[in-house]
Amino acid sequence: MAAARPISLQDRVLQIDHIQARRYTKLAGDTLEIATEGIIRHLRACARMDVNPDASAVREIIDDAINGRRVFAETSNDRLAA
């Protein structure tokens, strides 16, 4: 069995939607950091639930990053902390 080849986040976003991948490449600084964190969280949540990542969710994450907002989905741990 061959080891899985690591894939860059840019390539992973390209697999989801080429338009969002193009938008993601144009980000820089804090905007890039916010979008990267949000996309990684989205990909992890999709992996946990065994569903395909959603292009519209990635679009929203990038839009929110451009507007300077960090928006994350609620997790079960968040409800316990409240």
C-alpha atoms as a PDB file:
ATOM      1  CA  MET A   1       0.000   0.000   0.000  1.00  0.00           C
ATOM      2  CA  ALA A   2       1.453   3.342  -1.025  1.00  0.00           C
ATOM      3  CA  ALA A   3       1.533   6.229   1.435  1.00  0.00           C
ATOM      4  CA  ALA A   4      -0.862   9.077   0.719  1.00  0.00           C
ATOM      5  CA  ARG A   5       0.856  12.046  -0.884  1.00  0.00           C
ATOM      6  CA  PRO A   6       0.299  15.268   1.061  1.00  0.00           C
ATOM      7  CA  ILE A   7      -1.801  17.806  -0.810  1.00  0.00           C
ATOM      8  CA  SER A   8      -1.611  21.554  -0.374  1.00  0.00           C
ATOM      9  CA  LEU A   9      -4.627  23.478   0.847  1.00  0.00           C
ATOM     10  CA  GLN A  10      -4.655  25.380  -2.455  1.00  0.00           C
ATOM     11  CA  ASP A  11      -4.928  22.081  -4.370  1.00  0.00           C
ATOM     12  CA  ARG A  12      -7.656  20.842  -2.016  1.00  0.00           C
ATOM     13  CA  VAL A  13      -9.700  24.001  -2.561  1.00  0.00           C
ATOM     14  CA  LEU A  14      -9.153  23.584  -6.315  1.00  0.00           C
ATOM     15  CA  GLN A  15     -10.685  20.097  -6.065  1.00  0.00           C
ATOM     16  CA  ILE A  16     -13.744  21.610  -4.395  1.00  0.00           C
ATOM     17  CA  ASP A  17     -14.290  24.580  -6.722  1.00  0.00           C
ATOM     18  CA  HIS A  18     -11.945  26.267  -9.195  1.00  0.00           C
ATOM     19  CA  ILE A  19     -13.540  29.701  -8.760  1.00  0.00           C
ATOM     20  CA  GLN A  20     -13.015  29.664  -4.985  1.00  0.00           C
ATOM     21  CA  ALA A  21      -9.464  28.385  -5.495  1.00  0.00           C
ATOM     22  CA  ARG A  22      -8.742  31.401  -7.704  1.00  0.00           C
ATOM     23  CA  ARG A  23     -10.210  33.741  -5.065  1.00  0.00           C
ATOM     24  CA  TYR A  24      -8.191  31.999  -2.328  1.00  0.00           C
ATOM     25  CA  THR A  25      -4.901  32.546  -4.205  1.00  0.00           C
ATOM     26  CA  LYS A  26      -5.540  36.306  -4.242  1.00  0.00           C
ATOM     27  CA  LEU A  27      -5.751  36.555  -0.436  1.00  0.00           C
ATOM     28  CA  ALA A  28      -2.860  37.824   1.689  1.00  0.00           C
ATOM     29  CA  GLY A  29      -2.038  38.712   5.294  1.00  0.00           C
ATOM     30  CA  ASP A  30      -4.769  38.459   7.910  1.00  0.00           C
ATOM     31  CA  THR A  31      -7.392  37.695   5.276  1.00  0.00           C
ATOM     32  CA  LEU A  32      -5.422  34.649   4.129  1.00  0.00           C
ATOM     33  CA  GLU A  33      -4.963  33.508   7.734  1.00  0.00           C
ATOM     34  CA  ILE A  34      -8.688  33.801   8.525  1.00  0.00           C
ATOM     35  CA  ALA A  35      -9.714  31.986   5.329  1.00  0.00           C
ATOM     36  CA  THR A  36      -7.133  29.241   5.828  1.00  0.00           C
ATOM     37  CA  GLU A  37      -8.286  28.566   9.383  1.00  0.00           C
ATOM     38  CA  GLY A  38     -11.942  28.504   8.332  1.00  0.00           C
ATOM     39  CA  ILE A  39     -11.362  26.206   5.356  1.00  0.00           C
ATOM     40  CA  ILE A  40      -9.292  23.791   7.436  1.00  0.00           C
ATOM     41  CA  ARG A  41     -12.053  23.656  10.065  1.00  0.00           C
ATOM     42  CA  HIS A  42     -14.633  23.039   7.320  1.00  0.00           C
ATOM     43  CA  LEU A  43     -12.556  20.220   5.810  1.00  0.00           C
ATOM     44  CA  ARG A  44     -12.080  18.584   9.214  1.00  0.00           C
ATOM     45  CA  ALA A  45     -15.809  18.784   9.966  1.00  0.00           C
ATOM     46  CA  CYS A  46     -16.621  17.236   6.582  1.00  0.00           C
ATOM     47  CA  ALA A  47     -14.125  14.440   7.213  1.00  0.00           C
ATOM     48  CA  ARG A  48     -15.665  13.745  10.641  1.00  0.00           C
ATOM     49  CA  MET A  49     -19.158  13.575   9.169  1.00  0.00           C
ATOM     50  CA  ASP A  50     -17.951  11.677   6.083  1.00  0.00           C
ATOM     51  CA  VAL A  51     -19.466  14.178   3.623  1.00  0.00           C
ATOM     52  CA  ASN A  52     -18.002  16.085   0.693  1.00  0.00           C
ATOM     53  CA  PRO A  53     -16.881  19.685   1.309  1.00  0.00           C
ATOM     54  CA  ASP A  54     -19.358  22.275   0.110  1.00  0.00           C
ATOM     55  CA  ALA A  55     -18.275  24.906  -2.429  1.00  0.00           C
ATOM     56  CA  SER A  56     -20.805  27.411  -1.081  1.00  0.00           C
ATOM     57  CA  ALA A  57     -19.395  26.995   2.440  1.00  0.00           C
ATOM     58  CA  VAL A  58     -15.884  27.686   1.128  1.00  0.00           C
ATOM     59  CA  ARG A  59     -17.247  30.754  -0.694  1.00  0.00           C
ATOM     60  CA  GLU A  60     -18.808  32.024   2.543  1.00  0.00           C
ATOM     61  CA  ILE A  61     -15.583  31.436   4.465  1.00  0.00           C
ATOM     62  CA  ILE A  62     -13.617  33.456   1.897  1.00  0.00           C
ATOM     63  CA  ASP A  63     -16.260  36.214   1.853  1.00  0.00           C
ATOM     64  CA  ASP A  64     -16.190  36.436   5.644  1.00  0.00           C
ATOM     65  CA  ALA A  65     -12.382  36.537   5.650  1.00  0.00           C
ATOM     66  CA  ILE A  66     -12.413  39.400   3.142  1.00  0.00           C
ATOM     67  CA  ASN A  67     -14.798  41.240   5.462  1.00  0.00           C
ATOM     68  CA  GLY A  68     -12.541  40.494   8.453  1.00  0.00           C
ATOM     69  CA  ARG A  69     -14.915  38.094  10.192  1.00  0.00           C
ATOM     70  CA  ARG A  70     -13.970  34.823  11.788  1.00  0.00           C
ATOM     71  CA  VAL A  71     -17.111  32.698  11.725  1.00  0.00           C
ATOM     72  CA  PHE A  72     -16.986  29.112  12.885  1.00  0.00           C
ATOM     73  CA  ALA A  73     -19.629  26.450  13.118  1.00  0.00           C
ATOM     74  CA  GLU A  74     -20.830  25.584  16.590  1.00  0.00           C
ATOM     75  CA  THR A  75     -19.375  22.374  18.003  1.00  0.00           C
ATOM     76  CA  SER A  76     -20.582  20.225  20.857  1.00  0.00           C
ATOM     77  CA  ASN A  77     -17.728  21.622  23.004  1.00  0.00           C
ATOM     78  CA  ASP A  78     -19.048  25.161  22.473  1.00  0.00           C
ATOM     79  CA  ARG A  79     -22.408  24.271  23.985  1.00  0.00           C
ATOM     80  CA  LEU A  80     -20.760  22.813  27.065  1.00  0.00           C
ATOM     81  CA  ALA A  81     -18.709  25.964  27.634  1.00  0.00           C
ATOM     82  CA  ALA A  82     -21.771  28.218  27.634  1.00  0.00           C
END
